[in-house]
Protein backbone atom coordinates (compact mmCIF):
# COMPACT_ATOMS: atom_id res chain seq x y z
CA UNK A 1 -0.05 -0.19 0.21
CA UNK A 2 2.72 2.33 0.97
CA UNK A 3 4.27 1.66 -2.56
CA UNK A 4 1.07 3.02 -4.30
CA UNK A 5 0.91 6.29 -2.26
CA UNK A 6 4.29 7.11 -3.73
CA UNK A 7 4.07 10.20 -6.23
CA UNK A 8 6.56 10.51 -9.13
CA UNK A 9 6.99 14.15 -7.89
CA UNK A 10 9.01 15.27 -11.03
CA UNK A 11 6.70 14.08 -13.55
CA UNK A 12 3.44 15.92 -12.14
CA UNK A 13 5.38 19.13 -11.19
CA UNK A 14 7.14 19.75 -14.30
CA UNK A 15 5.35 21.31 -17.42
CA UNK A 16 4.71 19.46 -20.81
CA UNK A 17 7.48 20.60 -22.62
CA UNK A 18 10.37 22.65 -21.21
CA UNK A 19 9.81 26.55 -20.29
CA UNK A 20 12.92 28.10 -20.61
CA UNK A 21 14.08 31.44 -21.89
CA UNK A 22 17.71 32.36 -22.71
CA UNK A 23 18.89 29.47 -20.84
CA UNK A 24 16.89 29.74 -17.44
CA UNK A 25 13.71 28.50 -16.22
CA UNK A 26 10.89 30.73 -16.15
CA UNK A 27 9.34 32.00 -13.35
CA UNK A 28 7.02 29.72 -11.50
CA UNK A 29 5.94 28.49 -7.83
CA UNK A 30 4.72 24.65 -7.88
CA UNK A 31 3.93 25.48 -4.01
CA UNK A 32 1.74 28.32 -4.85
CA UNK A 33 -0.30 26.32 -7.51
CA UNK A 34 -0.86 23.45 -5.16
CA UNK A 35 -1.91 25.65 -2.18
CA UNK A 36 -4.25 27.18 -4.90
CA UNK A 37 -5.79 23.73 -5.84
CA UNK A 38 -6.13 22.92 -2.20
CA UNK A 39 -7.88 25.92 -1.44
CA UNK A 40 -10.26 25.27 -4.36
CA UNK A 41 -10.98 21.63 -2.86
CA UNK A 42 -11.29 22.79 0.87
CA UNK A 43 -14.22 25.36 0.47
CA UNK A 44 -16.16 23.81 -2.68
CA UNK A 45 -17.29 26.66 -4.81
CA UNK A 46 -15.92 30.10 -3.56
CA UNK A 47 -12.33 30.10 -4.56
CA UNK A 48 -13.20 28.83 -7.97
CA UNK A 49 -15.35 31.46 -8.47
CA UNK A 50 -12.81 33.86 -7.56
CA UNK A 51 -10.21 32.46 -9.88
CA UNK A 52 -12.80 32.89 -12.58
CA UNK A 53 -13.47 36.37 -11.73
CA UNK A 54 -9.69 37.18 -12.02
CA UNK A 55 -9.92 35.53 -15.45
CA UNK A 56 -7.36 32.66 -14.34
CA UNK A 57 -6.86 30.40 -17.25
CA UNK A 58 -5.58 26.61 -17.20
CA UNK A 59 -2.41 28.41 -18.87
CA UNK A 60 -1.73 29.86 -16.05
CA UNK A 61 -0.50 26.80 -14.12
CA UNK A 62 3.16 26.17 -14.82
CA UNK A 63 2.91 22.22 -13.92
CA UNK A 64 0.90 20.12 -16.45
CA UNK A 65 -0.79 18.10 -13.92
CA UNK A 66 -1.92 21.24 -11.99
CA UNK A 67 -3.09 22.69 -15.05
CA UNK A 68 -5.18 19.71 -15.85
CA UNK A 69 -6.69 19.57 -12.20
CA UNK A 70 -7.64 23.19 -12.56
CA UNK A 71 -9.19 22.98 -15.77
CA UNK A 72 -11.41 19.86 -14.41
CA UNK A 73 -12.11 22.06 -11.29
CA UNK A 74 -13.59 24.71 -13.73
CA UNK A 75 -15.70 22.13 -15.55
CA UNK A 76 -17.10 20.59 -12.61
CA UNK A 77 -17.75 23.97 -11.20
CA UNK A 78 -19.58 24.76 -14.34
CA UNK A 79 -22.17 21.96 -13.98
CA UNK A 80 -22.69 23.06 -10.17
CA UNK A 81 -22.23 20.23 -8.40
CA UNK A 82 -20.21 20.42 -5.37
CA UNK A 83 -16.54 20.50 -5.81
CA UNK A 84 -14.71 18.13 -3.78
CA UNK A 85 -11.72 15.28 -4.04
CA UNK A 86 -13.92 12.36 -4.98
CA UNK A 87 -15.94 13.99 -7.72
CA UNK A 88 -12.61 15.42 -9.12
CA UNK A 89 -11.11 12.07 -9.11
CA UNK A 90 -14.18 10.46 -10.56
CA UNK A 91 -14.20 12.98 -13.43
CA UNK A 92 -10.87 12.66 -14.17
CA UNK A 93 -11.02 8.89 -14.45
CA UNK A 94 -13.96 9.17 -16.87
CA UNK A 95 -11.55 11.73 -19.01
CA UNK A 96 -8.89 9.05 -18.84
CA UNK A 97 -6.77 11.77 -17.15
CA UNK A 98 -6.23 10.54 -13.60
CA UNK A 99 -2.98 8.65 -13.88
CA UNK A 100 -1.68 11.57 -16.30
CA UNK A 101 -1.97 13.86 -13.20
CA UNK A 102 -0.37 11.19 -10.72
CA UNK A 103 -3.46 9.38 -9.52
CA UNK A 104 -5.34 9.50 -6.21
CA UNK A 105 -2.16 9.98 -4.31
CA UNK A 106 -1.28 13.42 -5.92
CA UNK A 107 -5.17 14.79 -5.43
CA UNK A 108 -4.75 13.57 -1.96
CA UNK A 109 -1.54 14.99 -1.38
CA UNK A 110 -2.44 18.41 -2.70
CA UNK A 111 -6.14 18.34 -0.97
CA UNK A 112 -4.11 18.46 2.37
CA UNK A 113 -1.28 20.99 1.40
CA UNK A 114 -3.19 23.78 3.32
CA UNK A 115 -5.78 23.84 6.42
CA UNK A 116 -7.79 27.06 5.47
CA UNK A 117 -8.49 29.30 2.72
CA UNK A 118 -7.68 32.35 4.26
CA UNK A 119 -4.72 33.28 1.96
CA UNK A 120 -6.62 31.93 -1.09
CA UNK A 121 -6.65 35.58 -2.97
CA UNK A 122 -2.94 35.62 -2.46
CA UNK A 123 -2.46 32.52 -4.18
CA UNK A 124 -4.92 33.73 -6.93
CA UNK A 125 -2.64 36.76 -7.33
CA UNK A 126 0.83 35.04 -7.30
CA UNK A 127 -0.23 32.38 -9.65
CA UNK A 128 -1.45 34.94 -12.13
CA UNK A 129 1.58 37.22 -11.50
CA UNK A 130 4.14 34.29 -12.30
CA UNK A 131 2.05 33.61 -15.50
CA UNK A 132 2.12 37.06 -16.86
CA UNK A 133 5.76 37.27 -15.99
CA UNK A 134 6.30 34.27 -18.19
CA UNK A 135 4.15 35.51 -20.80
CA UNK A 136 5.93 38.72 -20.98
CA UNK A 137 9.51 36.90 -20.95
CA UNK A 138 8.23 35.07 -24.05
CA UNK A 139 6.88 38.02 -25.92
CA UNK A 140 10.49 39.69 -25.05
CA UNK A 141 12.64 37.28 -26.06
CA UNK A 142 10.60 36.87 -29.33
CA UNK A 143 10.93 40.75 -29.74
CA UNK A 144 14.86 39.93 -29.20
CA UNK A 145 14.95 37.48 -31.84
CA UNK A 146 12.76 39.53 -34.11
CA UNK A 147 15.23 42.36 -33.78
CA UNK A 148 17.91 40.21 -35.42
CA UNK A 149 15.89 39.26 -38.24
CA UNK A 150 14.50 42.87 -38.64
CA UNK A 151 13.97 43.70 -42.30
CA UNK A 152 12.59 47.31 -42.18
CA UNK A 153 9.37 49.62 -41.49
CA UNK A 154 10.85 50.22 -37.87
CA UNK A 155 7.61 51.96 -36.75
CA UNK A 156 5.38 49.00 -37.57
CA UNK A 157 8.05 46.82 -35.98
CA UNK A 158 7.53 48.64 -32.77
CA UNK A 159 3.73 48.69 -33.05
CA UNK A 160 3.61 44.86 -33.33
CA UNK A 161 5.77 44.63 -30.22
CA UNK A 162 3.72 46.96 -28.17
CA UNK A 163 0.38 45.08 -29.24
CA UNK A 164 2.15 41.71 -28.25
CA UNK A 165 2.81 43.23 -24.99
CA UNK A 166 -0.48 44.75 -24.61
CA UNK A 167 -2.15 41.29 -25.78
CA UNK A 168 -0.46 39.73 -22.44
CA UNK A 169 -1.30 42.74 -20.07
CA UNK A 170 -5.04 43.68 -21.25
CA UNK A 171 -6.96 41.08 -19.19
CA UNK A 172 -5.15 42.16 -16.22
CA UNK A 173 -7.92 42.46 -13.33
CA UNK A 174 -7.97 45.24 -10.70
CA UNK A 175 -10.61 45.33 -8.02
CA UNK A 176 -12.83 47.84 -9.75
CA UNK A 177 -15.80 47.45 -7.14
CA UNK A 178 -15.12 50.39 -4.53
CA UNK A 179 -16.79 51.06 -1.29
CA UNK A 180 -19.38 53.87 -1.61
CA UNK A 181 -17.15 56.14 0.62
CA UNK A 182 -14.42 56.69 -1.89
CA UNK A 183 -16.78 57.49 -5.15
CA UNK A 184 -18.74 59.80 -2.56
CA UNK A 185 -15.56 61.56 -1.23
CA UNK A 186 -14.69 62.35 -5.24
CA UNK A 187 -18.27 63.36 -5.91
CA UNK A 188 -18.21 65.99 -2.97
CA UNK A 189 -15.02 67.33 -4.33
CA UNK A 190 -16.65 67.87 -7.72
CA UNK A 191 -19.79 69.39 -5.76
CA UNK A 192 -17.60 71.70 -3.73
CA UNK A 193 -15.56 72.88 -6.95
CA UNK A 194 -18.77 73.73 -8.46
CA UNK A 195 -20.18 75.64 -5.67
CA UNK A 196 -16.81 77.81 -5.17
CA UNK A 197 -16.50 78.57 -9.02
CA UNK A 198 -20.03 79.10 -9.21
CA UNK A 199 -20.82 77.99 -12.86
CA UNK A 200 -17.70 77.53 -14.04
CA UNK A 201 -16.75 74.57 -16.47
CA UNK A 202 -15.71 71.28 -14.96
CA UNK A 203 -14.41 69.99 -18.29
CA UNK A 204 -12.59 71.15 -21.49
CA UNK A 205 -14.10 73.97 -23.06
CA UNK A 206 -15.39 73.41 -26.64
CA UNK A 207 -15.14 77.26 -27.44
CA UNK A 208 -18.94 77.72 -27.84
CA UNK A 209 -20.68 79.35 -25.08
CA UNK A 210 -24.13 77.76 -25.85
CA UNK A 211 -22.69 74.17 -26.04
CA UNK A 212 -20.58 74.71 -22.81
CA UNK A 213 -23.69 76.08 -21.05
CA UNK A 214 -25.49 72.75 -21.69
CA UNK A 215 -22.51 70.53 -20.95
CA UNK A 216 -20.30 72.44 -18.62
CA UNK A 217 -17.28 71.26 -21.12
CA UNK A 218 -16.52 68.14 -22.40
CA UNK A 219 -15.94 65.83 -19.30
CA UNK A 220 -13.38 63.36 -18.25
CA UNK A 221 -13.95 59.80 -19.02
CA UNK A 222 -16.85 60.68 -21.46
CA UNK A 223 -17.02 59.76 -25.06
CA UNK A 224 -18.53 62.30 -27.02
CA UNK A 225 -19.94 61.48 -30.55
CA UNK A 226 -20.13 64.23 -33.11
CA UNK A 227 -21.91 63.03 -36.04
CA UNK A 228 -23.40 64.50 -39.60
CA UNK A 229 -23.73 63.76 -43.29
CA UNK A 230 -20.81 64.39 -45.60
CA UNK A 231 -19.90 68.17 -46.15
CA UNK A 232 -21.62 69.32 -43.03
CA UNK A 233 -18.17 70.73 -41.60
CA UNK A 234 -17.87 67.79 -38.91
CA UNK A 235 -13.82 67.95 -39.22
CA UNK A 236 -14.03 71.89 -39.41
CA UNK A 237 -16.09 71.80 -36.17
CA UNK A 238 -13.93 69.39 -34.53
CA UNK A 239 -10.91 71.33 -35.39
CA UNK A 240 -12.31 74.68 -33.69
CA UNK A 241 -12.90 72.34 -30.54
CA UNK A 242 -9.25 71.16 -30.82
CA UNK A 243 -8.11 74.71 -31.00
CA UNK A 244 -10.22 75.75 -28.13
CA UNK A 245 -9.13 73.10 -26.10
CA UNK A 246 -5.23 73.50 -26.89
CA UNK A 247 -5.10 77.24 -26.79
CA UNK A 248 -8.30 78.41 -24.63
CA UNK A 249 -9.04 82.18 -24.36
CA UNK A 250 -8.87 81.68 -20.62
CA UNK A 251 -8.38 78.75 -18.29
CA UNK A 252 -5.86 75.99 -18.32
CA UNK A 253 -4.92 74.53 -21.82
CA UNK A 254 -5.41 70.78 -22.58
CA UNK A 255 -2.96 68.79 -24.45
CA UNK A 256 -4.92 67.33 -27.42
CA UNK A 257 -4.28 64.46 -29.74
CA UNK A 258 -5.97 64.20 -32.92
CA UNK A 259 -6.38 60.97 -35.02
CA UNK A 260 -6.86 61.89 -38.85
CA UNK A 261 -7.74 58.84 -40.67
CA UNK A 262 -8.94 60.69 -43.67
CA UNK A 263 -6.60 63.73 -44.10
CA UNK A 264 -2.88 64.35 -43.62
CA UNK A 265 -1.59 66.24 -40.91
CA UNK A 266 -0.26 69.02 -43.57
CA UNK A 267 -3.87 69.29 -44.59
CA UNK A 268 -5.23 69.55 -41.17
CA UNK A 269 -2.41 71.98 -40.21
CA UNK A 270 -3.47 74.28 -43.33
CA UNK A 271 -7.17 74.11 -42.48
CA UNK A 272 -6.54 75.09 -39.02
CA UNK A 273 -4.28 78.11 -39.86
CA UNK A 274 -6.40 79.59 -42.29
CA UNK A 275 -9.48 79.08 -39.77
CA UNK A 276 -7.61 80.90 -36.82
CA UNK A 277 -5.81 83.76 -38.93
CA UNK A 278 -9.49 83.97 -40.89
CA UNK A 279 -7.70 83.85 -44.43
CA UNK A 280 -9.78 82.62 -47.18
CA UNK A 281 -8.22 79.14 -48.32
CA UNK A 282 -9.32 79.22 -51.77
CA UNK A 283 -7.87 82.72 -52.51
CA UNK A 284 -4.62 81.54 -50.85
CA UNK A 285 -4.46 78.18 -52.76
CA UNK A 286 -5.11 80.76 -56.29
CA UNK A 287 -2.16 82.66 -54.97
CA UNK A 288 -4.31 85.72 -54.93
CA UNK A 289 -3.20 87.00 -51.46
CA UNK A 290 -0.78 89.76 -51.52
CA UNK A 291 2.85 88.41 -50.63
CA UNK A 292 3.22 91.37 -47.78
CA UNK A 293 -0.20 91.84 -46.56
CA UNK A 294 -2.16 91.71 -43.58
CA UNK A 295 -3.23 87.90 -44.26
CA UNK A 296 0.46 86.82 -44.11
CA UNK A 297 1.22 88.51 -41.19
CA UNK A 298 -1.73 86.95 -39.49
CA UNK A 299 -0.64 83.43 -40.90
CA UNK A 300 2.63 83.79 -39.30
CA UNK A 301 1.17 84.74 -35.98
CA UNK A 302 -1.37 81.87 -36.04
CA UNK A 303 1.54 79.20 -37.06
CA UNK A 304 3.63 80.62 -34.13
CA UNK A 305 0.66 80.29 -31.54
CA UNK A 306 -0.11 76.91 -32.62
CA UNK A 307 3.64 75.80 -32.46
CA UNK A 308 3.71 76.91 -29.02
CA UNK A 309 0.54 74.68 -28.33
CA UNK A 310 0.25 71.17 -26.87
CA UNK A 311 -1.31 69.78 -30.03
CA UNK A 312 -0.74 66.68 -31.57
CA UNK A 313 -1.63 65.14 -35.01
CA UNK A 314 -1.37 61.48 -35.83
CA UNK A 315 -2.50 60.90 -39.73
CA UNK A 316 -1.85 57.22 -39.62
CA UNK A 317 -4.34 55.45 -41.99
CA UNK A 318 -5.54 51.79 -41.59
CA UNK A 319 -5.70 51.98 -37.71
CA UNK A 320 -7.25 49.61 -35.75
CA UNK A 321 -8.66 50.45 -32.40
CA UNK A 322 -5.98 48.28 -30.52
CA UNK A 323 -3.48 50.38 -32.56
CA UNK A 324 -5.11 53.64 -31.54
CA UNK A 325 -5.07 53.16 -28.16
CA UNK A 326 -1.58 51.82 -27.80
CA UNK A 327 -0.60 55.33 -29.52
CA UNK A 328 -2.71 57.36 -27.36
CA UNK A 329 -1.12 55.55 -24.44
CA UNK A 330 2.38 56.36 -25.73
CA UNK A 331 1.62 59.89 -26.22
CA UNK A 332 -0.16 60.32 -23.06
CA UNK A 333 3.30 58.85 -21.38
CA UNK A 334 5.17 61.40 -22.52
CA UNK A 335 2.59 64.45 -22.28
CA UNK A 336 -0.42 64.00 -20.10
CA UNK A 337 -3.33 64.27 -22.28
CA UNK A 338 -6.67 66.42 -21.56
CA UNK A 339 -8.58 65.58 -24.89
CA UNK A 340 -8.68 62.97 -27.62
CA UNK A 341 -10.43 63.25 -31.22
CA UNK A 342 -10.84 60.57 -33.85
CA UNK A 343 -11.77 61.47 -37.40
CA UNK A 344 -13.71 59.39 -38.01
CA UNK A 345 -15.08 55.89 -36.43
CA UNK A 346 -16.15 54.56 -39.47
CA UNK A 347 -12.38 54.46 -40.93
CA UNK A 348 -11.00 52.47 -38.07
CA UNK A 349 -9.59 49.14 -39.37
CA UNK A 350 -11.49 46.13 -37.80
CA UNK A 351 -9.44 43.43 -35.84
CA UNK A 352 -11.46 40.75 -38.05
CA UNK A 353 -12.39 41.96 -41.24
CA UNK A 354 -14.86 38.82 -41.64
CA UNK A 355 -17.13 39.94 -38.92
CA UNK A 356 -20.44 42.00 -39.58
CA UNK A 357 -19.98 45.57 -40.00
CA UNK A 358 -22.18 46.21 -37.20
CA UNK A 359 -19.68 44.09 -34.88
CA UNK A 360 -16.74 45.80 -36.20
CA UNK A 361 -17.97 49.56 -35.23
CA UNK A 362 -19.50 47.72 -32.03
CA UNK A 363 -15.68 46.86 -31.40
CA UNK A 364 -14.55 50.38 -32.14
CA UNK A 365 -17.08 52.06 -30.34
CA UNK A 366 -16.45 50.17 -26.83
CA UNK A 367 -12.51 50.53 -27.49
CA UNK A 368 -12.85 54.33 -27.83
CA UNK A 369 -15.10 54.58 -24.64
CA UNK A 370 -12.66 52.21 -22.68
CA UNK A 371 -9.79 54.70 -23.88
CA UNK A 372 -11.76 57.38 -22.47
CA UNK A 373 -12.09 55.83 -19.14
CA UNK A 374 -8.61 54.41 -19.07
CA UNK A 375 -6.72 57.65 -19.65
CA UNK A 376 -9.24 59.68 -17.94
CA UNK A 377 -9.73 62.20 -20.70
CA UNK A 378 -13.10 63.02 -23.04
CA UNK A 379 -12.51 61.51 -26.33
CA UNK A 380 -14.47 62.95 -29.17
CA UNK A 381 -15.30 60.48 -31.86
CA UNK A 382 -16.74 61.80 -35.35
CA UNK A 383 -19.22 59.57 -36.94
CA UNK A 384 -21.25 59.48 -40.23
CA UNK A 385 -25.08 59.80 -40.35
CA UNK A 386 -27.16 57.52 -42.56
CA UNK A 387 -29.52 59.00 -45.33
CA UNK A 388 -32.74 59.09 -43.56
CA UNK A 389 -32.89 62.26 -42.35
CA UNK A 390 -31.74 63.83 -45.89
CA UNK A 391 -34.55 61.58 -47.54
CA UNK A 392 -37.29 62.64 -45.06
CA UNK A 393 -36.29 66.43 -45.19
CA UNK A 394 -36.03 66.41 -41.16
CA UNK A 395 -33.41 67.11 -38.67
CA UNK A 396 -31.46 64.16 -37.84
CA UNK A 397 -31.93 61.94 -34.59
CA UNK A 398 -30.19 59.11 -32.78
CA UNK A 399 -31.49 56.33 -34.71
CA UNK A 400 -29.58 58.03 -37.82
CA UNK A 401 -26.27 57.18 -36.86
CA UNK A 402 -24.86 54.67 -38.89
CA UNK A 403 -24.49 51.08 -37.23
CA UNK A 404 -26.20 52.90 -34.36
CA UNK A 405 -26.73 50.68 -31.74
CA UNK A 406 -23.29 50.46 -30.29
CA UNK A 407 -22.46 53.86 -30.77
CA UNK A 408 -25.52 55.23 -29.19
CA UNK A 409 -25.20 52.94 -26.14
CA UNK A 410 -21.66 53.88 -25.57
CA UNK A 411 -21.69 57.40 -25.90
CA UNK A 412 -22.20 59.94 -23.14
CA UNK A 413 -22.83 62.74 -25.39
CA UNK A 414 -24.06 62.92 -28.92
CA UNK A 415 -23.79 65.85 -31.12
CA UNK A 416 -25.25 66.20 -34.43
CA UNK A 417 -24.52 69.02 -36.98
CA UNK A 418 -27.46 69.50 -39.06
CA UNK A 419 -28.76 71.89 -41.84
CA UNK A 420 -30.67 74.85 -41.02
CA UNK A 421 -34.03 75.03 -42.77
CA UNK A 422 -33.02 77.38 -45.49
CA UNK A 423 -29.98 74.85 -46.75
CA UNK A 424 -29.84 73.74 -50.34
CA UNK A 425 -31.20 70.60 -51.58
CA UNK A 426 -27.74 69.05 -51.60
CA UNK A 427 -27.71 69.07 -47.83
CA UNK A 428 -24.71 71.42 -47.59
CA UNK A 429 -24.04 73.58 -44.77
CA UNK A 430 -25.72 77.08 -45.34
CA UNK A 431 -23.32 79.94 -46.00
CA UNK A 432 -23.79 81.51 -42.55
CA UNK A 433 -25.34 79.12 -40.10
CA UNK A 434 -25.77 75.65 -38.75
CA UNK A 435 -27.76 73.89 -36.35
CA UNK A 436 -26.32 71.66 -33.43
CA UNK A 437 -28.58 69.41 -31.87
CA UNK A 438 -27.46 67.94 -28.46
CA UNK A 439 -29.01 64.45 -29.03
CA UNK A 440 -28.25 62.75 -25.94
CA UNK A 441 -26.35 63.66 -22.45
CA UNK A 442 -26.03 61.10 -20.23
CA UNK A 443 -25.46 63.33 -17.26
CA UNK A 444 -27.09 66.75 -18.51
CA UNK A 445 -29.86 68.26 -20.61
CA UNK A 446 -30.49 67.76 -24.41
CA UNK A 447 -31.36 70.67 -26.69
CA UNK A 448 -30.57 72.44 -30.11
CA UNK A 449 -28.35 75.59 -30.67
CA UNK A 450 -27.21 77.53 -33.48
CA UNK A 451 -23.74 77.94 -34.85
CA UNK A 452 -22.43 80.60 -37.11
CA UNK A 453 -20.31 79.06 -40.08
CA UNK A 454 -18.16 81.07 -41.98
CA UNK A 455 -17.58 79.24 -45.09
CA UNK A 456 -14.96 80.98 -46.68
CA UNK A 457 -12.49 80.21 -43.78
CA UNK A 458 -14.24 76.88 -42.72
CA UNK A 459 -14.95 78.26 -39.14
CA UNK A 460 -17.82 77.76 -36.76
CA UNK A 461 -18.18 80.50 -34.27
CA UNK A 462 -20.91 81.54 -31.69
CA UNK A 463 -24.21 82.36 -33.24
CA UNK A 464 -24.86 86.02 -33.93
CA UNK A 465 -28.26 87.41 -35.21
């Protein structure tokens, strides 16, 4: 009987394949794995539930035997019976895996490794931490190898390495549930600020007094959607927002990052220069401006002001949402961002081109909302409207957002740039005005407001009669 109790420790404590990097054994703790499995067997279901909540996968276990045991425990848990050694042994026997993990002897051994589950969370965190370290080492080792085989396009190579690292770390779990005391403290700080500043903006200014009066600025962690039909001036209005945020007339400037998936950085810079200096771009292109005139002085002044601002433009094309988020983090690490603009959502490349279009847009929408929360900045996203309002000759509404379900759900604020009643039949913006509809605001009122549109310099301003 004593012989049958002997367990081949080396076989069931080591992985199926050698896990080494640069000639060294990867970080692991067989003891922590066994202690965790012991906790799972001690309390039935609670520890397993906590493991699943922490997204602890079987791959997190270094030992092949421990990996099989954990995966079987999760299968049993999913079927809802109580989890104990007898049921586990029977399930492993049925699947012909009992001898693979070391038999009844090994199950008996791990079930008595620890007398209490008091430290279960510690062992969950330890197993997960060591697994993340192993995965990071694999990615880093692969990156080193790829460096030696590098064949050009450094930026793409760096982005790939960053994506691989992000792929390892994106599922990290933090304790997101907070006791109400902490959020209440934050809420009271906001309330005190509102009372002290008496109506001052609590977010990033839009530069438009009527819009700021409704929203109190673009708020941290919010996703704001600006939607319109083509040629209505979405990009122009977004650039006006960017200018107001990065170069406010009063208050603190917000470092602003613009992702332009449609226009080049130089094209955007030209539009912003002409807009701020109030120079007619058409005349400039046709060479009809006097070389030493007042216009040139205004352009030089505007260029100097922009050069001193914390305004960044990324005109990369074919960006996926993962790449966009990675780029945002990189800029944010260098210069703390206060505002991000994406022009526009439907041009983001899908992670999987084979999935339906609605699913692709939903992925982008969720990712942009997650970015706003992660970096704690407002994210303004431009989006197309479908043709329904144009065909029916009416103001746009939320249902007119293309692939609208996910966008409408994720957005905290939805702004719609609409033609005034006297717009021409091609649905172009009238020469001197536009209607901006606040169609949704999660934490405030909705309403319509007017803007003045200066067509010659593609600039929106506060409405004047």
